C-alpha atoms as a PDB file:
ATOM      1  CA  UNK A   1      46.342  11.538  10.547  1.00  0.00           C
ATOM      2  CA  UNK A   2      48.210   8.860   8.569  1.00  0.00           C
ATOM      3  CA  UNK A   3      47.374   8.455   4.889  1.00  0.00           C
ATOM      4  CA  UNK A   4      46.148   4.837   5.361  1.00  0.00           C
ATOM      5  CA  UNK A   5      43.886   5.929   8.210  1.00  0.00           C
ATOM      6  CA  UNK A   6      42.527   8.758   6.069  1.00  0.00           C
ATOM      7  CA  UNK A   7      41.723   6.341   3.274  1.00  0.00           C
ATOM      8  CA  UNK A   8      40.028   4.017   5.813  1.00  0.00           C
ATOM      9  CA  UNK A   9      37.852   6.760   7.155  1.00  0.00           C
ATOM     10  CA  UNK A  10      36.920   7.830   3.649  1.00  0.00           C
ATOM     11  CA  UNK A  11      35.894   4.238   2.847  1.00  0.00           C
ATOM     12  CA  UNK A  12      33.862   4.154   6.051  1.00  0.00           C
ATOM     13  CA  UNK A  13      32.163   7.433   5.137  1.00  0.00           C
ATOM     14  CA  UNK A  14      31.431   6.186   1.633  1.00  0.00           C
ATOM     15  CA  UNK A  15      29.911   2.982   3.031  1.00  0.00           C
ATOM     16  CA  UNK A  16      27.712   5.032   5.373  1.00  0.00           C
ATOM     17  CA  UNK A  17      26.540   7.266   2.489  1.00  0.00           C
ATOM     18  CA  UNK A  18      25.849   4.170   0.379  1.00  0.00           C
ATOM     19  CA  UNK A  19      23.733   2.607   3.178  1.00  0.00           C
ATOM     20  CA  UNK A  20      21.852   5.895   3.664  1.00  0.00           C
ATOM     21  CA  UNK A  21      21.177   6.128  -0.083  1.00  0.00           C
ATOM     22  CA  UNK A  22      20.015   2.527  -0.290  1.00  0.00           C
ATOM     23  CA  UNK A  23      17.820   2.943   2.784  1.00  0.00           C
ATOM     24  CA  UNK A  24      16.289   6.107   1.415  1.00  0.00           C
ATOM     25  CA  UNK A  25      15.824   4.475  -1.985  1.00  0.00           C
ATOM     26  CA  UNK A  26      13.947   1.568  -0.389  1.00  0.00           C
ATOM     27  CA  UNK A  27      11.691   4.024   1.402  1.00  0.00           C
ATOM     28  CA  UNK A  28      11.005   5.811  -1.917  1.00  0.00           C
ATOM     29  CA  UNK A  29      10.287   2.440  -3.584  1.00  0.00           C
ATOM     30  CA  UNK A  30       7.695   1.733  -0.887  1.00  0.00           C
ATOM     31  CA  UNK A  31       5.903   5.026  -1.501  1.00  0.00           C
ATOM     32  CA  UNK A  32       3.217   4.883  -4.132  1.00  0.00           C
ATOM     33  CA  UNK A  33       2.564   7.389  -6.909  1.00  0.00           C
ATOM     34  CA  UNK A  34       0.642  10.596  -6.296  1.00  0.00           C
ATOM     35  CA  UNK A  35      -3.082  10.290  -5.447  1.00  0.00           C
ATOM     36  CA  UNK A  36      -5.615   9.911  -8.276  1.00  0.00           C
ATOM     37  CA  UNK A  37      -9.260   8.967  -8.751  1.00  0.00           C
ATOM     38  CA  UNK A  38     -10.896   7.551 -11.890  1.00  0.00           C
ATOM     39  CA  UNK A  39      -8.389   6.785 -14.656  1.00  0.00           C
ATOM     40  CA  UNK A  40     -11.112   5.455 -16.969  1.00  0.00           C
ATOM     41  CA  UNK A  41     -14.863   5.652 -16.568  1.00  0.00           C
ATOM     42  CA  UNK A  42     -16.662   4.948 -19.863  1.00  0.00           C
ATOM     43  CA  UNK A  43     -19.536   3.307 -17.947  1.00  0.00           C
ATOM     44  CA  UNK A  44     -20.279   6.206 -15.535  1.00  0.00           C
ATOM     45  CA  UNK A  45     -19.797   3.913 -12.577  1.00  0.00           C
ATOM     46  CA  UNK A  46     -20.083   5.152  -8.982  1.00  0.00           C
ATOM     47  CA  UNK A  47     -19.282   3.546  -5.684  1.00  0.00           C
ATOM     48  CA  UNK A  48     -18.768   4.043  -1.989  1.00  0.00           C
ATOM     49  CA  UNK A  49     -17.875   2.116   1.115  1.00  0.00           C
ATOM     50  CA  UNK A  50     -18.165   2.379   4.865  1.00  0.00           C
ATOM     51  CA  UNK A  51     -15.429   0.609   6.812  1.00  0.00           C
ATOM     52  CA  UNK A  52     -16.486  -0.460  10.286  1.00  0.00           C
ATOM     53  CA  UNK A  53     -13.485  -1.281  12.499  1.00  0.00           C
ATOM     54  CA  UNK A  54     -13.095  -4.550  14.321  1.00  0.00           C
ATOM     55  CA  UNK A  55     -10.393  -5.905  16.676  1.00  0.00           C
ATOM     56  CA  UNK A  56      -7.837  -3.153  17.399  1.00  0.00           C
ATOM     57  CA  UNK A  57      -9.873  -0.705  15.263  1.00  0.00           C
ATOM     58  CA  UNK A  58     -13.236  -1.462  16.996  1.00  0.00           C
ATOM     59  CA  UNK A  59     -15.358   1.679  17.362  1.00  0.00           C
ATOM     60  CA  UNK A  60     -13.790   3.431  14.362  1.00  0.00           C
ATOM     61  CA  UNK A  61     -15.611   4.124  11.062  1.00  0.00           C
ATOM     62  CA  UNK A  62     -14.258   5.409   7.768  1.00  0.00           C
ATOM     63  CA  UNK A  63     -16.364   6.547   4.784  1.00  0.00           C
ATOM     64  CA  UNK A  64     -14.939   6.344   1.275  1.00  0.00           C
ATOM     65  CA  UNK A  65     -16.298   7.529  -2.044  1.00  0.00           C
ATOM     66  CA  UNK A  66     -14.986   6.346  -5.405  1.00  0.00           C
ATOM     67  CA  UNK A  67     -13.999   9.922  -6.201  1.00  0.00           C
ATOM     68  CA  UNK A  68     -11.769  10.258  -3.111  1.00  0.00           C
ATOM     69  CA  UNK A  69      -8.067  10.547  -3.860  1.00  0.00           C
ATOM     70  CA  UNK A  70      -6.916   9.566  -0.350  1.00  0.00           C
ATOM     71  CA  UNK A  71      -8.258   7.713   2.653  1.00  0.00           C
ATOM     72  CA  UNK A  72      -6.843   7.001   6.138  1.00  0.00           C
ATOM     73  CA  UNK A  73      -7.274   3.245   6.398  1.00  0.00           C
ATOM     74  CA  UNK A  74      -8.205   0.946   9.211  1.00  0.00           C
ATOM     75  CA  UNK A  75      -6.190  -2.262   9.665  1.00  0.00           C
ATOM     76  CA  UNK A  76      -9.040  -4.475  10.789  1.00  0.00           C
ATOM     77  CA  UNK A  77     -12.676  -4.272   9.832  1.00  0.00           C
ATOM     78  CA  UNK A  78     -15.597  -4.966   7.575  1.00  0.00           C
ATOM     79  CA  UNK A  79     -15.997  -3.043   4.311  1.00  0.00           C
ATOM     80  CA  UNK A  80     -19.680  -2.355   3.464  1.00  0.00           C
ATOM     81  CA  UNK A  81     -19.470  -1.487  -0.222  1.00  0.00           C
ATOM     82  CA  UNK A  82     -21.896  -0.548  -2.994  1.00  0.00           C
ATOM     83  CA  UNK A  83     -21.472   0.220  -6.641  1.00  0.00           C
ATOM     84  CA  UNK A  84     -23.814   1.334  -9.414  1.00  0.00           C
ATOM     85  CA  UNK A  85     -24.024   2.234 -13.116  1.00  0.00           C
ATOM     86  CA  UNK A  86     -26.807   4.028 -15.030  1.00  0.00           C
ATOM     87  CA  UNK A  87     -27.317   1.111 -17.464  1.00  0.00           C
ATOM     88  CA  UNK A  88     -26.694  -2.632 -17.059  1.00  0.00           C
ATOM     89  CA  UNK A  89     -23.233  -3.993 -17.816  1.00  0.00           C
ATOM     90  CA  UNK A  90     -22.530  -7.539 -19.023  1.00  0.00           C
ATOM     91  CA  UNK A  91     -19.615 -10.002 -18.709  1.00  0.00           C
ATOM     92  CA  UNK A  92     -18.167  -8.055 -15.765  1.00  0.00           C
ATOM     93  CA  UNK A  93     -14.800  -8.871 -14.282  1.00  0.00           C
ATOM     94  CA  UNK A  94     -12.256  -6.993 -12.212  1.00  0.00           C
ATOM     95  CA  UNK A  95     -10.210  -6.678  -9.074  1.00  0.00           C
ATOM     96  CA  UNK A  96      -8.936  -4.389  -6.336  1.00  0.00           C
ATOM     97  CA  UNK A  97      -5.238  -4.530  -5.540  1.00  0.00           C
ATOM     98  CA  UNK A  98      -3.276  -2.792  -2.759  1.00  0.00           C
ATOM     99  CA  UNK A  99       0.311  -2.106  -3.753  1.00  0.00           C
ATOM    100  CA  UNK A 100       2.617  -2.260  -0.726  1.00  0.00           C
ATOM    101  CA  UNK A 101       5.998  -1.275  -2.131  1.00  0.00           C
ATOM    102  CA  UNK A 102       7.525  -4.411  -3.673  1.00  0.00           C
ATOM    103  CA  UNK A 103       4.477  -6.638  -3.004  1.00  0.00           C
ATOM    104  CA  UNK A 104       0.785  -6.372  -3.860  1.00  0.00           C
ATOM    105  CA  UNK A 105      -2.209  -7.749  -1.961  1.00  0.00           C
ATOM    106  CA  UNK A 106      -5.399  -8.546  -3.930  1.00  0.00           C
ATOM    107  CA  UNK A 107      -8.269  -7.363  -1.769  1.00  0.00           C
ATOM    108  CA  UNK A 108     -11.054  -8.643  -4.085  1.00  0.00           C
ATOM    109  CA  UNK A 109     -11.568 -10.212  -7.507  1.00  0.00           C
ATOM    110  CA  UNK A 110     -14.820 -10.975  -9.416  1.00  0.00           C
ATOM    111  CA  UNK A 111     -16.125 -12.295 -12.658  1.00  0.00           C
ATOM    112  CA  UNK A 112     -16.567 -13.051 -15.278  1.00  0.00           C
ATOM    113  CA  UNK A 113     -20.238 -12.473 -14.512  1.00  0.00           C
ATOM    114  CA  UNK A 114     -22.834 -12.391 -17.289  1.00  0.00           C
ATOM    115  CA  UNK A 115     -25.395 -10.221 -15.396  1.00  0.00           C
ATOM    116  CA  UNK A 116     -28.333 -11.929 -17.092  1.00  0.00           C
ATOM    117  CA  UNK A 117     -30.739 -10.135 -14.720  1.00  0.00           C
ATOM    118  CA  UNK A 118     -29.500  -6.713 -15.904  1.00  0.00           C
ATOM    119  CA  UNK A 119     -28.744  -5.367 -12.414  1.00  0.00           C
ATOM    120  CA  UNK A 120     -27.507  -1.772 -12.275  1.00  0.00           C
ATOM    121  CA  UNK A 121     -26.259  -1.887  -8.665  1.00  0.00           C
ATOM    122  CA  UNK A 122     -24.637  -4.304  -6.249  1.00  0.00           C
ATOM    123  CA  UNK A 123     -23.585  -4.192  -2.614  1.00  0.00           C
ATOM    124  CA  UNK A 124     -21.918  -6.470  -0.114  1.00  0.00           C
ATOM    125  CA  UNK A 125     -19.552  -6.798   2.818  1.00  0.00           C
ATOM    126  CA  UNK A 126     -15.900  -7.796   2.612  1.00  0.00           C
ATOM    127  CA  UNK A 127     -13.242  -8.227   5.287  1.00  0.00           C
ATOM    128  CA  UNK A 128     -10.108  -6.161   5.215  1.00  0.00           C
ATOM    129  CA  UNK A 129      -7.285  -8.586   4.255  1.00  0.00           C
ATOM    130  CA  UNK A 130      -5.466  -9.745   7.390  1.00  0.00           C
ATOM    131  CA  UNK A 131      -2.097  -8.989   5.731  1.00  0.00           C
ATOM    132  CA  UNK A 132      -2.790  -5.274   6.226  1.00  0.00           C
ATOM    133  CA  UNK A 133      -2.188  -5.685   9.997  1.00  0.00           C
ATOM    134  CA  UNK A 134       1.448  -6.244   9.145  1.00  0.00           C
ATOM    135  CA  UNK A 135       1.876  -3.152   6.935  1.00  0.00           C
ATOM    136  CA  UNK A 136       4.190  -0.468   8.337  1.00  0.00           C
ATOM    137  CA  UNK A 137       2.742   3.064   8.637  1.00  0.00           C
ATOM    138  CA  UNK A 138       2.874   5.001   5.409  1.00  0.00           C
ATOM    139  CA  UNK A 139       0.977   5.841   2.267  1.00  0.00           C
ATOM    140  CA  UNK A 140       0.400   3.051  -0.265  1.00  0.00           C
ATOM    141  CA  UNK A 141      -1.443   2.856  -3.545  1.00  0.00           C
ATOM    142  CA  UNK A 142      -4.647   0.942  -4.367  1.00  0.00           C
ATOM    143  CA  UNK A 143      -5.917   0.251  -7.906  1.00  0.00           C
ATOM    144  CA  UNK A 144      -9.134  -1.311  -9.143  1.00  0.00           C
ATOM    145  CA  UNK A 145     -11.156  -1.897 -12.271  1.00  0.00           C
ATOM    146  CA  UNK A 146     -14.347  -3.364 -13.637  1.00  0.00           C
ATOM    147  CA  UNK A 147     -14.347  -4.367 -17.281  1.00  0.00           C
ATOM    148  CA  UNK A 148     -17.494  -5.255 -19.219  1.00  0.00           C
ATOM    149  CA  UNK A 149     -18.739  -5.552 -22.801  1.00  0.00           C
ATOM    150  CA  UNK A 150     -20.104  -2.001 -22.539  1.00  0.00           C
ATOM    151  CA  UNK A 151     -16.937  -0.366 -21.198  1.00  0.00           C
ATOM    152  CA  UNK A 152     -14.457  -0.039 -18.300  1.00  0.00           C
ATOM    153  CA  UNK A 153     -14.351   1.720 -14.999  1.00  0.00           C
ATOM    154  CA  UNK A 154     -10.910   1.957 -13.404  1.00  0.00           C
ATOM    155  CA  UNK A 155      -9.275   4.102 -10.749  1.00  0.00           C
ATOM    156  CA  UNK A 156      -6.810   4.425  -7.986  1.00  0.00           C
ATOM    157  CA  UNK A 157      -6.530   5.822  -4.476  1.00  0.00           C
ATOM    158  CA  UNK A 158      -3.853   6.424  -1.914  1.00  0.00           C
ATOM    159  CA  UNK A 159      -4.282   4.550   1.376  1.00  0.00           C
ATOM    160  CA  UNK A 160      -2.653   6.030   4.461  1.00  0.00           C
ATOM    161  CA  UNK A 161      -1.839   3.702   7.318  1.00  0.00           C
ATOM    162  CA  UNK A 162      -1.112   5.388  10.674  1.00  0.00           C
ATOM    163  CA  UNK A 163       0.797   4.166  13.714  1.00  0.00           C
ATOM    164  CA  UNK A 164       4.333   3.682  14.874  1.00  0.00           C
ATOM    165  CA  UNK A 165       6.960   1.938  12.782  1.00  0.00           C
ATOM    166  CA  UNK A 166       7.131  -0.442  15.770  1.00  0.00           C
ATOM    167  CA  UNK A 167       3.405  -1.218  15.548  1.00  0.00           C
ATOM    168  CA  UNK A 168       3.951  -4.016  13.020  1.00  0.00           C
ATOM    169  CA  UNK A 169       6.240  -7.035  12.896  1.00  0.00           C
ATOM    170  CA  UNK A 170       7.620  -5.888   9.532  1.00  0.00           C
ATOM    171  CA  UNK A 171       8.434  -2.490  10.991  1.00  0.00           C
ATOM    172  CA  UNK A 172      10.217  -4.006  13.989  1.00  0.00           C
ATOM    173  CA  UNK A 173      12.305  -6.262  11.692  1.00  0.00           C
ATOM    174  CA  UNK A 174      13.186  -3.233   9.508  1.00  0.00           C
ATOM    175  CA  UNK A 175      14.342  -1.188  12.580  1.00  0.00           C
ATOM    176  CA  UNK A 176      16.351  -4.090  14.060  1.00  0.00           C
ATOM    177  CA  UNK A 177      17.896  -4.856  10.645  1.00  0.00           C
ATOM    178  CA  UNK A 178      18.857  -1.236  10.223  1.00  0.00           C
ATOM    179  CA  UNK A 179      20.497  -1.073  13.648  1.00  0.00           C
ATOM    180  CA  UNK A 180      22.403  -4.333  13.098  1.00  0.00           C
ATOM    181  CA  UNK A 181      23.514  -3.127   9.642  1.00  0.00           C
ATOM    182  CA  UNK A 182      24.715   0.196  11.040  1.00  0.00           C
ATOM    183  CA  UNK A 183      26.654  -1.558  13.825  1.00  0.00           C
ATOM    184  CA  UNK A 184      28.247  -3.874  11.228  1.00  0.00           C
ATOM    185  CA  UNK A 185      29.310  -0.936   9.111  1.00  0.00           C
ATOM    186  CA  UNK A 186      30.772   0.914  12.117  1.00  0.00           C
ATOM    187  CA  UNK A 187      32.766  -2.147  13.154  1.00  0.00           C
ATOM    188  CA  UNK A 188      33.914  -2.758   9.552  1.00  0.00           C
ATOM    189  CA  UNK A 189      35.038   0.878   9.358  1.00  0.00           C
ATOM    190  CA  UNK A 190      36.916   0.614  12.672  1.00  0.00           C
ATOM    191  CA  UNK A 191      38.563  -2.670  11.652  1.00  0.00           C
ATOM    192  CA  UNK A 192      39.626  -1.182   8.360  1.00  0.00           C
ATOM    193  CA  UNK A 193      41.042   1.939  10.038  1.00  0.00           C
ATOM    194  CA  UNK A 194      43.081   0.022  12.599  1.00  0.00           C
ATOM    195  CA  UNK A 195      46.697  -0.737  11.724  1.00  0.00           C
END
């Protein structure tokens, strides 16, 4: 092999390694931290939810407790939630956020709420955010908190979304982009190696 062709194939190999490293790095960036439960619970809060699937998830049900570290998530459905504390909390506010790699989706926010009636429990129904239909399969991280005059309750949980990488538009774009990028690198390597 001629020295210039050897240099060209080395450059091509280095480019391929760089693309593989960047691709792997982006997958690692999309993965959330390890599973956890309550990070702070000075108010002794408790909570649970039952997710009833709708649309493509019709007929499926998932039960979640605030102490769970992981849950396999549905993409479409109604979340029947309830939360409680042993004593009334005042001036409550908080949110629940799903971290999807480089972006975050706020699933719910509340407050500030005075709680003048001194309620110690609350329940309701919320829809799963429609953006979750677009999320590629994988494990993502969810955080949430409720802050009050009396204290804070905060925690996190890993959400696992199942399915094929081709089951979401974002996944299809990622696969097509990867293929086009690989073809471009191969042609760039061939063009560089030719005399």
